[in-house]
Amino acid sequence: MYRYFLAKIGQSVLLLFGVIVLVFFMVRLTGDPASLMMSRNASPEQMEAFRERMGFNRPVYVQFADFFTGALVGDFGNSLHFKSPALPLVLERLPATVQLAVVGLLIAMFIGIPLGLLGGFQPGSAIDSIGRGLALLGQSIPNFWLALIMILFFAVRLGWFPSFGRDRWDSVIMPAFVLGLPTLGQLVRLTRSAVLEIRSADFIRTAYSKGLEPRVIYAKHVFRNVAIPLVSVIGVQFGYMLGGSIYIESIFAWPGMGQLLEQAIGWRDFPLVQAIAVFTSVVVLALNIFTDLAYAIIDPRIRYGS
């Protein structure tokens, strides 16, 4: 198992290096980065002074070396809009994004997994049809469209929830549901298919032939084997929810990293954009490593086969 995780950590390091390279060249592939960051009304003298201050007049390999060494210690320079270090600004928004992603994941798990289990145990039943229908909606409805519909219906017409902000305890319900619905649909489908596959396995029939009670079979054999693919999907989806909530946070004015990224792009604040991109990548890669660790603990085939 140690070799397995050493390989995973090595892959993550290589991926992170690739992200840093991509983020560095992101503002240079379209031309002069100073022209992207500065106002169009800036004079040539102002542009040259900005290039000097940001170091854009130096060779590219020198700029990359400075950016790489700075990224390793969390120094991405100062935000052009806030005039302060970029990474602390990202960390200030992290709790709001984590809250949104955690609540969205909990909604997806507490609705999707039970529906998938019931659908797998009773295929063709009414609850199975509900679960499959919800899974289809979760995988097909655009989340930005659903967000607007929920604001119109539940906030404007019914007044049940606030339409934007993070001031009230129930402000998180609508954005979390919209963010978690695709994961909910995936969990329903994965859980249902896993239960159907495991129920027909030879070791389940052997357990029945030994006279074990159904509740013991479900608890010790079915549920544990269903949990193996679920752990992997939940970990990956949580990383996606942390890094892919930009539209949801913008629509609901949720003060998280997604909204900050959308604002930074509009401000052409590329030091802040780079800090968000690299930090999000680090978080997602770390979550993938922890997911692999949990996967190996649950599945002995990885624990003893690597």
C-alpha atoms as a PDB file:
ATOM      1  CA  MET A   1       0.000   0.000   0.000  1.00  0.00           C
ATOM      2  CA  TYR A   2       2.952   2.335   0.645  1.00  0.00           C
ATOM      3  CA  ARG A   3       4.086   2.051  -2.954  1.00  0.00           C
ATOM      4  CA  TYR A   4       0.536   2.763  -4.061  1.00  0.00           C
ATOM      5  CA  PHE A   5       0.419   6.031  -2.119  1.00  0.00           C
ATOM      6  CA  LEU A   6       3.924   7.048  -3.054  1.00  0.00           C
ATOM      7  CA  ALA A   7       2.877   6.710  -6.676  1.00  0.00           C
ATOM      8  CA  LYS A   8      -0.272   8.768  -6.010  1.00  0.00           C
ATOM      9  CA  ILE A   9       1.718  11.507  -4.281  1.00  0.00           C
ATOM     10  CA  GLY A  10       4.215  11.555  -7.147  1.00  0.00           C
ATOM     11  CA  GLN A  11       1.391  11.913  -9.666  1.00  0.00           C
ATOM     12  CA  SER A  12      -0.119  14.738  -7.617  1.00  0.00           C
ATOM     13  CA  VAL A  13       3.196  16.595  -7.507  1.00  0.00           C
ATOM     14  CA  LEU A  14       3.530  16.321 -11.286  1.00  0.00           C
ATOM     15  CA  LEU A  15      -0.049  17.503 -11.773  1.00  0.00           C
ATOM     16  CA  LEU A  16       0.524  20.459  -9.470  1.00  0.00           C
ATOM     17  CA  PHE A  17       3.650  21.409 -11.408  1.00  0.00           C
ATOM     18  CA  GLY A  18       1.597  21.251 -14.607  1.00  0.00           C
ATOM     19  CA  VAL A  19      -1.055  23.501 -13.058  1.00  0.00           C
ATOM     20  CA  ILE A  20       1.588  26.058 -12.026  1.00  0.00           C
ATOM     21  CA  VAL A  21       3.029  26.059 -15.553  1.00  0.00           C
ATOM     22  CA  LEU A  22      -0.440  26.442 -17.069  1.00  0.00           C
ATOM     23  CA  VAL A  23      -1.408  29.238 -14.687  1.00  0.00           C
ATOM     24  CA  PHE A  24       1.851  31.083 -15.378  1.00  0.00           C
ATOM     25  CA  PHE A  25       1.431  31.015 -19.147  1.00  0.00           C
ATOM     26  CA  MET A  26      -2.307  31.663 -18.974  1.00  0.00           C
ATOM     27  CA  VAL A  27      -1.839  35.442 -19.087  1.00  0.00           C
ATOM     28  CA  ARG A  28       0.997  35.282 -21.595  1.00  0.00           C
ATOM     29  CA  LEU A  29      -0.481  33.182 -24.401  1.00  0.00           C
ATOM     30  CA  THR A  30      -2.687  36.052 -25.589  1.00  0.00           C
ATOM     31  CA  GLY A  31       0.096  38.619 -25.758  1.00  0.00           C
ATOM     32  CA  ASP A  32       1.508  41.223 -23.427  1.00  0.00           C
ATOM     33  CA  PRO A  33       0.155  40.540 -19.887  1.00  0.00           C
ATOM     34  CA  ALA A  34       0.460  44.239 -19.018  1.00  0.00           C
ATOM     35  CA  SER A  35      -2.082  45.125 -21.710  1.00  0.00           C
ATOM     36  CA  LEU A  36      -4.512  42.603 -20.164  1.00  0.00           C
ATOM     37  CA  MET A  37      -4.113  43.853 -16.606  1.00  0.00           C
ATOM     38  CA  MET A  38      -3.920  47.594 -17.208  1.00  0.00           C
ATOM     39  CA  SER A  39      -6.736  49.851 -18.339  1.00  0.00           C
ATOM     40  CA  ARG A  40      -7.068  50.485 -22.069  1.00  0.00           C
ATOM     41  CA  ASN A  41      -6.710  54.198 -21.351  1.00  0.00           C
ATOM     42  CA  ALA A  42      -3.305  53.777 -19.730  1.00  0.00           C
ATOM     43  CA  SER A  43      -0.512  55.793 -21.291  1.00  0.00           C
ATOM     44  CA  PRO A  44       2.658  54.158 -22.677  1.00  0.00           C
ATOM     45  CA  GLU A  45       4.585  55.525 -19.694  1.00  0.00           C
ATOM     46  CA  GLN A  46       2.136  53.926 -17.270  1.00  0.00           C
ATOM     47  CA  MET A  47       2.318  50.629 -19.156  1.00  0.00           C
ATOM     48  CA  GLU A  48       6.095  50.634 -19.015  1.00  0.00           C
ATOM     49  CA  ALA A  49       6.106  51.492 -15.314  1.00  0.00           C
ATOM     50  CA  PHE A  50       3.655  48.625 -14.682  1.00  0.00           C
ATOM     51  CA  ARG A  51       5.857  46.187 -16.637  1.00  0.00           C
ATOM     52  CA  GLU A  52       8.831  47.281 -14.559  1.00  0.00           C
ATOM     53  CA  ARG A  53       6.933  46.903 -11.272  1.00  0.00           C
ATOM     54  CA  MET A  54       5.510  43.464 -12.159  1.00  0.00           C
ATOM     55  CA  GLY A  55       8.754  42.226 -13.728  1.00  0.00           C
ATOM     56  CA  PHE A  56       7.238  41.585 -17.169  1.00  0.00           C
ATOM     57  CA  ASN A  57      10.246  43.160 -18.880  1.00  0.00           C
ATOM     58  CA  ARG A  58      12.528  40.380 -17.674  1.00  0.00           C
ATOM     59  CA  PRO A  59      13.176  37.099 -19.566  1.00  0.00           C
ATOM     60  CA  VAL A  60      10.318  34.609 -19.392  1.00  0.00           C
ATOM     61  CA  TYR A  61      12.370  31.910 -17.667  1.00  0.00           C
ATOM     62  CA  VAL A  62      13.350  34.369 -14.929  1.00  0.00           C
ATOM     63  CA  GLN A  63       9.692  35.332 -14.463  1.00  0.00           C
ATOM     64  CA  PHE A  64       8.688  31.672 -14.254  1.00  0.00           C
ATOM     65  CA  ALA A  65      11.413  30.896 -11.714  1.00  0.00           C
ATOM     66  CA  ASP A  66      10.196  33.746  -9.511  1.00  0.00           C
ATOM     67  CA  PHE A  67       6.562  32.700  -9.898  1.00  0.00           C
ATOM     68  CA  PHE A  68       7.353  29.044  -9.163  1.00  0.00           C
ATOM     69  CA  THR A  69       9.406  29.754  -6.056  1.00  0.00           C
ATOM     70  CA  GLY A  70       6.752  32.196  -4.849  1.00  0.00           C
ATOM     71  CA  ALA A  71       3.951  29.694  -5.440  1.00  0.00           C
ATOM     72  CA  LEU A  72       5.780  27.080  -3.364  1.00  0.00           C
ATOM     73  CA  VAL A  73       5.598  29.382  -0.318  1.00  0.00           C
ATOM     74  CA  GLY A  74       2.160  30.810  -1.108  1.00  0.00           C
ATOM     75  CA  ASP A  75       3.397  34.165  -2.449  1.00  0.00           C
ATOM     76  CA  PHE A  76       1.475  35.115  -5.599  1.00  0.00           C
ATOM     77  CA  GLY A  77       2.091  38.821  -5.336  1.00  0.00           C
ATOM     78  CA  ASN A  78      -0.355  41.571  -4.474  1.00  0.00           C
ATOM     79  CA  SER A  79      -3.886  41.786  -5.798  1.00  0.00           C
ATOM     80  CA  LEU A  80      -4.188  44.627  -8.289  1.00  0.00           C
ATOM     81  CA  HIS A  81      -7.659  45.507  -7.006  1.00  0.00           C
ATOM     82  CA  PHE A  82      -7.245  45.131  -3.240  1.00  0.00           C
ATOM     83  CA  LYS A  83      -3.569  46.201  -3.122  1.00  0.00           C
ATOM     84  CA  SER A  84      -2.785  43.401  -0.657  1.00  0.00           C
ATOM     85  CA  PRO A  85      -1.316  39.843  -0.818  1.00  0.00           C
ATOM     86  CA  ALA A  86      -3.502  37.594  -2.967  1.00  0.00           C
ATOM     87  CA  LEU A  87      -3.452  34.340  -0.995  1.00  0.00           C
ATOM     88  CA  PRO A  88      -4.868  35.768   2.288  1.00  0.00           C
ATOM     89  CA  LEU A  89      -7.772  37.167   0.257  1.00  0.00           C
ATOM     90  CA  VAL A  90      -8.472  33.661  -1.039  1.00  0.00           C
ATOM     91  CA  LEU A  91      -8.263  32.141   2.436  1.00  0.00           C
ATOM     92  CA  GLU A  92     -10.799  34.683   3.706  1.00  0.00           C
ATOM     93  CA  ARG A  93     -13.339  33.341   1.217  1.00  0.00           C
ATOM     94  CA  LEU A  94     -12.526  29.669   1.825  1.00  0.00           C
ATOM     95  CA  PRO A  95     -14.945  29.085   4.782  1.00  0.00           C
ATOM     96  CA  ALA A  96     -17.958  30.222   2.737  1.00  0.00           C
ATOM     97  CA  THR A  97     -17.071  27.913  -0.156  1.00  0.00           C
ATOM     98  CA  VAL A  98     -16.413  24.987   2.199  1.00  0.00           C
ATOM     99  CA  GLN A  99     -19.766  25.566   3.914  1.00  0.00           C
ATOM    100  CA  LEU A 100     -21.588  25.597   0.578  1.00  0.00           C
ATOM    101  CA  ALA A 101     -19.820  22.468  -0.667  1.00  0.00           C
ATOM    102  CA  VAL A 102     -20.302  20.538   2.609  1.00  0.00           C
ATOM    103  CA  VAL A 103     -24.028  21.309   2.805  1.00  0.00           C
ATOM    104  CA  GLY A 104     -24.454  20.473  -0.882  1.00  0.00           C
ATOM    105  CA  LEU A 105     -22.631  17.178  -0.420  1.00  0.00           C
ATOM    106  CA  LEU A 106     -24.701  16.289   2.660  1.00  0.00           C
ATOM    107  CA  ILE A 107     -27.922  16.987   0.742  1.00  0.00           C
ATOM    108  CA  ALA A 108     -26.707  14.783  -2.092  1.00  0.00           C
ATOM    109  CA  MET A 109     -25.684  11.958   0.249  1.00  0.00           C
ATOM    110  CA  PHE A 110     -28.751  11.940   2.518  1.00  0.00           C
ATOM    111  CA  ILE A 111     -31.136  11.946  -0.449  1.00  0.00           C
ATOM    112  CA  GLY A 112     -29.181  10.147  -3.172  1.00  0.00           C
ATOM    113  CA  ILE A 113     -27.757   7.160  -1.272  1.00  0.00           C
ATOM    114  CA  PRO A 114     -31.057   6.070   0.391  1.00  0.00           C
ATOM    115  CA  LEU A 115     -32.906   6.420  -2.914  1.00  0.00           C
ATOM    116  CA  GLY A 116     -30.239   4.349  -4.639  1.00  0.00           C
ATOM    117  CA  LEU A 117     -30.352   1.666  -1.936  1.00  0.00           C
ATOM    118  CA  LEU A 118     -34.145   1.421  -2.034  1.00  0.00           C
ATOM    119  CA  GLY A 119     -34.122   1.367  -5.816  1.00  0.00           C
ATOM    120  CA  GLY A 120     -31.519  -1.397  -5.835  1.00  0.00           C
ATOM    121  CA  PHE A 121     -33.419  -3.498  -3.303  1.00  0.00           C
ATOM    122  CA  GLN A 122     -36.792  -2.919  -5.021  1.00  0.00           C
ATOM    123  CA  PRO A 123     -36.138  -2.431  -8.745  1.00  0.00           C
ATOM    124  CA  GLY A 124     -39.182  -1.322 -10.686  1.00  0.00           C
ATOM    125  CA  SER A 125     -41.001   0.008  -7.629  1.00  0.00           C
ATOM    126  CA  ALA A 126     -42.428   3.513  -7.252  1.00  0.00           C
ATOM    127  CA  ILE A 127     -39.485   4.650  -5.122  1.00  0.00           C
ATOM    128  CA  ASP A 128     -37.118   3.291  -7.764  1.00  0.00           C
ATOM    129  CA  SER A 129     -38.892   5.329 -10.442  1.00  0.00           C
ATOM    130  CA  ILE A 130     -38.634   8.452  -8.274  1.00  0.00           C
ATOM    131  CA  GLY A 131     -34.940   7.855  -7.719  1.00  0.00           C
ATOM    132  CA  ARG A 132     -34.198   7.272 -11.397  1.00  0.00           C
ATOM    133  CA  GLY A 133     -36.205  10.350 -12.362  1.00  0.00           C
ATOM    134  CA  LEU A 134     -34.318  12.490  -9.858  1.00  0.00           C
ATOM    135  CA  ALA A 135     -31.020  11.056 -11.093  1.00  0.00           C
ATOM    136  CA  LEU A 136     -31.953  11.965 -14.668  1.00  0.00           C
ATOM    137  CA  LEU A 137     -32.860  15.511 -13.655  1.00  0.00           C
ATOM    138  CA  GLY A 138     -29.688  15.917 -11.649  1.00  0.00           C
ATOM    139  CA  GLN A 139     -27.517  14.829 -14.552  1.00  0.00           C
ATOM    140  CA  SER A 140     -29.315  16.835 -17.257  1.00  0.00           C
ATOM    141  CA  ILE A 141     -30.606  20.148 -15.830  1.00  0.00           C
ATOM    142  CA  PRO A 142     -28.124  23.052 -16.125  1.00  0.00           C
ATOM    143  CA  ASN A 143     -27.408  24.254 -12.609  1.00  0.00           C
ATOM    144  CA  PHE A 144     -27.423  27.953 -13.518  1.00  0.00           C
ATOM    145  CA  TRP A 145     -30.920  27.598 -15.032  1.00  0.00           C
ATOM    146  CA  LEU A 146     -32.156  25.690 -11.979  1.00  0.00           C
ATOM    147  CA  ALA A 147     -30.694  28.387  -9.721  1.00  0.00           C
ATOM    148  CA  LEU A 148     -32.694  31.112 -11.483  1.00  0.00           C
ATOM    149  CA  ILE A 149     -35.898  29.046 -11.375  1.00  0.00           C
ATOM    150  CA  MET A 150     -35.482  28.350  -7.656  1.00  0.00           C
ATOM    151  CA  ILE A 151     -34.883  32.033  -6.920  1.00  0.00           C
ATOM    152  CA  LEU A 152     -38.001  32.990  -8.885  1.00  0.00           C
ATOM    153  CA  PHE A 153     -40.228  30.367  -7.260  1.00  0.00           C
ATOM    154  CA  PHE A 154     -38.957  29.852  -3.698  1.00  0.00           C
ATOM    155  CA  ALA A 155     -37.533  33.316  -2.992  1.00  0.00           C
ATOM    156  CA  VAL A 156     -39.600  35.764  -5.038  1.00  0.00           C
ATOM    157  CA  ARG A 157     -43.039  34.127  -5.152  1.00  0.00           C
ATOM    158  CA  LEU A 158     -43.132  32.044  -1.973  1.00  0.00           C
ATOM    159  CA  GLY A 159     -40.604  33.960   0.096  1.00  0.00           C
ATOM    160  CA  TRP A 160     -39.342  30.819   1.834  1.00  0.00           C
ATOM    161  CA  PHE A 161     -35.637  31.483   1.394  1.00  0.00           C
ATOM    162  CA  PRO A 162     -33.456  34.555   0.794  1.00  0.00           C
ATOM    163  CA  SER A 163     -32.469  35.009  -2.829  1.00  0.00           C
ATOM    164  CA  PHE A 164     -28.869  36.030  -2.204  1.00  0.00           C
ATOM    165  CA  GLY A 165     -26.197  36.557   0.428  1.00  0.00           C
ATOM    166  CA  ARG A 166     -25.015  34.648   3.478  1.00  0.00           C
ATOM    167  CA  ASP A 167     -26.683  36.622   6.256  1.00  0.00           C
ATOM    168  CA  ARG A 168     -29.275  34.053   7.405  1.00  0.00           C
ATOM    169  CA  TRP A 169     -28.902  30.410   8.430  1.00  0.00           C
ATOM    170  CA  ASP A 170     -31.190  29.273   5.593  1.00  0.00           C
ATOM    171  CA  SER A 171     -29.330  31.260   2.937  1.00  0.00           C
ATOM    172  CA  VAL A 172     -27.258  28.187   2.136  1.00  0.00           C
ATOM    173  CA  ILE A 173     -30.173  25.850   1.340  1.00  0.00           C
ATOM    174  CA  MET A 174     -30.954  26.885  -2.225  1.00  0.00           C
ATOM    175  CA  PRO A 175     -27.370  27.306  -3.503  1.00  0.00           C
ATOM    176  CA  ALA A 176     -26.312  24.083  -1.757  1.00  0.00           C
ATOM    177  CA  PHE A 177     -29.189  22.127  -3.321  1.00  0.00           C
ATOM    178  CA  VAL A 178     -28.391  23.462  -6.787  1.00  0.00           C
ATOM    179  CA  LEU A 179     -24.688  22.697  -6.328  1.00  0.00           C
ATOM    180  CA  GLY A 180     -25.350  19.216  -4.954  1.00  0.00           C
ATOM    181  CA  LEU A 181     -28.035  18.092  -7.416  1.00  0.00           C
ATOM    182  CA  PRO A 182     -25.622  16.689 -10.067  1.00  0.00           C
ATOM    183  CA  THR A 183     -23.807  14.750  -7.332  1.00  0.00           C
ATOM    184  CA  LEU A 184     -27.151  13.562  -5.984  1.00  0.00           C
ATOM    185  CA  GLY A 185     -28.093  12.145  -9.366  1.00  0.00           C
ATOM    186  CA  GLN A 186     -24.738  10.427  -9.727  1.00  0.00           C
ATOM    187  CA  LEU A 187     -25.006   8.880  -6.259  1.00  0.00           C
ATOM    188  CA  VAL A 188     -28.502   7.535  -6.990  1.00  0.00           C
ATOM    189  CA  ARG A 189     -27.359   5.855 -10.192  1.00  0.00           C
ATOM    190  CA  LEU A 190     -24.109   4.508  -8.755  1.00  0.00           C
ATOM    191  CA  THR A 191     -25.707   3.180  -5.549  1.00  0.00           C
ATOM    192  CA  ARG A 192     -28.570   1.512  -7.403  1.00  0.00           C
ATOM    193  CA  SER A 193     -26.308  -0.180  -9.943  1.00  0.00           C
ATOM    194  CA  ALA A 194     -23.885  -1.303  -7.213  1.00  0.00           C
ATOM    195  CA  VAL A 195     -26.681  -2.858  -5.143  1.00  0.00           C
ATOM    196  CA  LEU A 196     -28.101  -4.667  -8.173  1.00  0.00           C
ATOM    197  CA  GLU A 197     -24.677  -6.020  -9.067  1.00  0.00           C
ATOM    198  CA  ILE A 198     -23.770  -7.098  -5.525  1.00  0.00           C
ATOM    199  CA  ARG A 199     -27.133  -8.772  -4.860  1.00  0.00           C
ATOM    200  CA  SER A 200     -26.489 -11.201  -7.711  1.00  0.00           C
ATOM    201  CA  ALA A 201     -22.926 -11.999  -6.646  1.00  0.00           C
ATOM    202  CA  ASP A 202     -21.936 -15.527  -5.608  1.00  0.00           C
ATOM    203  CA  PHE A 203     -20.914 -14.573  -2.072  1.00  0.00           C
ATOM    204  CA  ILE A 204     -24.384 -13.116  -1.416  1.00  0.00           C
ATOM    205  CA  ARG A 205     -26.043 -16.357  -2.494  1.00  0.00           C
ATOM    206  CA  THR A 206     -23.573 -18.244  -0.307  1.00  0.00           C
ATOM    207  CA  ALA A 207     -24.492 -16.048   2.662  1.00  0.00           C
ATOM    208  CA  TYR A 208     -28.182 -16.786   2.117  1.00  0.00           C
ATOM    209  CA  SER A 209     -27.466 -20.515   1.837  1.00  0.00           C
ATOM    210  CA  LYS A 210     -25.721 -20.423   5.211  1.00  0.00           C
ATOM    211  CA  GLY A 211     -28.900 -19.154   6.799  1.00  0.00           C
ATOM    212  CA  LEU A 212     -27.734 -15.642   7.627  1.00  0.00           C
ATOM    213  CA  GLU A 213     -30.461 -13.118   8.313  1.00  0.00           C
ATOM    214  CA  PRO A 214     -31.089 -10.543   5.563  1.00  0.00           C
ATOM    215  CA  ARG A 215     -30.195  -7.621   7.843  1.00  0.00           C
ATOM    216  CA  VAL A 216     -26.819  -9.236   8.568  1.00  0.00           C
ATOM    217  CA  ILE A 217     -26.205  -9.819   4.871  1.00  0.00           C
ATOM    218  CA  TYR A 218     -27.117  -6.237   4.023  1.00  0.00           C
ATOM    219  CA  ALA A 219     -24.985  -4.753   6.808  1.00  0.00           C
ATOM    220  CA  LYS A 220     -21.856  -6.908   6.467  1.00  0.00           C
ATOM    221  CA  HIS A 221     -21.805  -7.649   2.759  1.00  0.00           C
ATOM    222  CA  VAL A 222     -24.024  -5.401   0.667  1.00  0.00           C
ATOM    223  CA  PHE A 223     -23.523  -2.044   2.378  1.00  0.00           C
ATOM    224  CA  ARG A 224     -19.786  -2.423   2.782  1.00  0.00           C
ATOM    225  CA  ASN A 225     -19.272  -3.339  -0.859  1.00  0.00           C
ATOM    226  CA  VAL A 226     -21.536  -0.516  -1.997  1.00  0.00           C
ATOM    227  CA  ALA A 227     -19.448   1.922   0.078  1.00  0.00           C
ATOM    228  CA  ILE A 228     -16.288   1.145  -1.911  1.00  0.00           C
ATOM    229  CA  PRO A 229     -17.255   2.978  -5.138  1.00  0.00           C
ATOM    230  CA  LEU A 230     -19.221   5.617  -3.203  1.00  0.00           C
ATOM    231  CA  VAL A 231     -16.139   6.761  -1.260  1.00  0.00           C
ATOM    232  CA  SER A 232     -14.260   7.411  -4.477  1.00  0.00           C
ATOM    233  CA  VAL A 233     -17.120   9.309  -6.103  1.00  0.00           C
ATOM    234  CA  ILE A 234     -17.919  11.384  -3.006  1.00  0.00           C
ATOM    235  CA  GLY A 235     -14.310  12.469  -2.583  1.00  0.00           C
ATOM    236  CA  VAL A 236     -13.910  13.462  -6.226  1.00  0.00           C
ATOM    237  CA  GLN A 237     -17.271  15.233  -6.332  1.00  0.00           C
ATOM    238  CA  PHE A 238     -16.485  17.208  -3.188  1.00  0.00           C
ATOM    239  CA  GLY A 239     -13.333  18.505  -4.853  1.00  0.00           C
ATOM    240  CA  TYR A 240     -15.325  19.486  -7.936  1.00  0.00           C
ATOM    241  CA  MET A 241     -17.892  21.258  -5.749  1.00  0.00           C
ATOM    242  CA  LEU A 242     -15.171  23.261  -4.036  1.00  0.00           C
ATOM    243  CA  GLY A 243     -13.591  24.324  -7.296  1.00  0.00           C
ATOM    244  CA  GLY A 244     -16.599  24.524  -9.592  1.00  0.00           C
ATOM    245  CA  SER A 245     -19.060  26.691  -7.690  1.00  0.00           C
ATOM    246  CA  ILE A 246     -18.303  29.921  -9.556  1.00  0.00           C
ATOM    247  CA  TYR A 247     -21.687  30.160 -11.317  1.00  0.00           C
ATOM    248  CA  ILE A 248     -23.677  29.223  -8.227  1.00  0.00           C
ATOM    249  CA  GLU A 249     -21.837  31.683  -5.999  1.00  0.00           C
ATOM    250  CA  SER A 250     -22.214  34.438  -8.580  1.00  0.00           C
ATOM    251  CA  ILE A 251     -25.961  33.895  -9.032  1.00  0.00           C
ATOM    252  CA  PHE A 252     -26.699  33.705  -5.306  1.00  0.00           C
ATOM    253  CA  ALA A 253     -24.095  36.369  -4.380  1.00  0.00           C
ATOM    254  CA  TRP A 254     -22.448  33.834  -2.092  1.00  0.00           C
ATOM    255  CA  PRO A 255     -19.194  35.344  -0.756  1.00  0.00           C
ATOM    256  CA  GLY A 256     -16.912  32.418  -1.545  1.00  0.00           C
ATOM    257  CA  MET A 257     -13.916  31.697  -3.755  1.00  0.00           C
ATOM    258  CA  GLY A 258     -16.107  31.231  -6.832  1.00  0.00           C
ATOM    259  CA  GLN A 259     -17.550  34.709  -6.562  1.00  0.00           C
ATOM    260  CA  LEU A 260     -14.079  36.115  -5.876  1.00  0.00           C
ATOM    261  CA  LEU A 261     -12.761  34.386  -9.011  1.00  0.00           C
ATOM    262  CA  GLU A 262     -15.571  35.820 -11.116  1.00  0.00           C
ATOM    263  CA  GLN A 263     -14.858  39.290  -9.741  1.00  0.00           C
ATOM    264  CA  ALA A 264     -11.101  38.936 -10.220  1.00  0.00           C
ATOM    265  CA  ILE A 265     -11.566  37.995 -13.875  1.00  0.00           C
ATOM    266  CA  GLY A 266     -13.789  41.029 -14.379  1.00  0.00           C
ATOM    267  CA  TRP A 267     -11.219  43.264 -12.661  1.00  0.00           C
ATOM    268  CA  ARG A 268      -8.410  41.680 -14.734  1.00  0.00           C
ATOM    269  CA  ASP A 269      -6.725  40.959 -11.406  1.00  0.00           C
ATOM    270  CA  PHE A 270      -4.561  38.115 -12.661  1.00  0.00           C
ATOM    271  CA  PRO A 271      -2.382  37.736  -9.537  1.00  0.00           C
ATOM    272  CA  LEU A 272      -5.600  36.998  -7.637  1.00  0.00           C
ATOM    273  CA  VAL A 273      -6.832  34.662 -10.403  1.00  0.00           C
ATOM    274  CA  GLN A 274      -3.547  32.773 -10.293  1.00  0.00           C
ATOM    275  CA  ALA A 275      -3.697  32.447  -6.503  1.00  0.00           C
ATOM    276  CA  ILE A 276      -7.241  31.041  -6.657  1.00  0.00           C
ATOM    277  CA  ALA A 277      -6.361  28.604  -9.459  1.00  0.00           C
ATOM    278  CA  VAL A 278      -3.269  27.185  -7.756  1.00  0.00           C
ATOM    279  CA  PHE A 279      -4.857  27.045  -4.294  1.00  0.00           C
ATOM    280  CA  THR A 280      -7.948  25.267  -5.631  1.00  0.00           C
ATOM    281  CA  SER A 281      -5.751  22.757  -7.441  1.00  0.00           C
ATOM    282  CA  VAL A 282      -3.827  22.016  -4.238  1.00  0.00           C
ATOM    283  CA  VAL A 283      -7.076  21.441  -2.339  1.00  0.00           C
ATOM    284  CA  VAL A 284      -8.490  19.146  -5.031  1.00  0.00           C
ATOM    285  CA  LEU A 285      -5.280  17.110  -5.259  1.00  0.00           C
ATOM    286  CA  ALA A 286      -5.138  16.763  -1.475  1.00  0.00           C
ATOM    287  CA  LEU A 287      -8.756  15.586  -1.403  1.00  0.00           C
ATOM    288  CA  ASN A 288      -7.976  13.002  -4.076  1.00  0.00           C
ATOM    289  CA  ILE A 289      -5.087  11.646  -1.988  1.00  0.00           C
ATOM    290  CA  PHE A 290      -7.291  11.364   1.111  1.00  0.00           C
ATOM    291  CA  THR A 291      -9.983   9.716  -0.989  1.00  0.00           C
ATOM    292  CA  ASP A 292      -7.495   7.143  -2.235  1.00  0.00           C
ATOM    293  CA  LEU A 293      -6.428   6.520   1.369  1.00  0.00           C
ATOM    294  CA  ALA A 294     -10.025   5.917   2.450  1.00  0.00           C
ATOM    295  CA  TYR A 295     -10.575   3.733  -0.612  1.00  0.00           C
ATOM    296  CA  ALA A 296      -7.561   1.590   0.253  1.00  0.00           C
ATOM    297  CA  ILE A 297      -8.697   1.217   3.871  1.00  0.00           C
ATOM    298  CA  ILE A 298     -12.134  -0.013   2.785  1.00  0.00           C
ATOM    299  CA  ASP A 299     -11.012  -2.187  -0.125  1.00  0.00           C
ATOM    300  CA  PRO A 300      -8.474  -4.862   0.945  1.00  0.00           C
ATOM    301  CA  ARG A 301      -7.637  -5.592  -2.695  1.00  0.00           C
ATOM    302  CA  ILE A 302      -5.742  -2.310  -2.775  1.00  0.00           C
ATOM    303  CA  ARG A 303      -4.382  -2.619   0.762  1.00  0.00           C
ATOM    304  CA  TYR A 304      -2.770  -5.988   0.133  1.00  0.00           C
ATOM    305  CA  GLY A 305      -2.314  -5.919  -3.617  1.00  0.00           C
ATOM    306  CA  SER A 306      -0.106  -2.869  -3.934  1.00  0.00           C
END
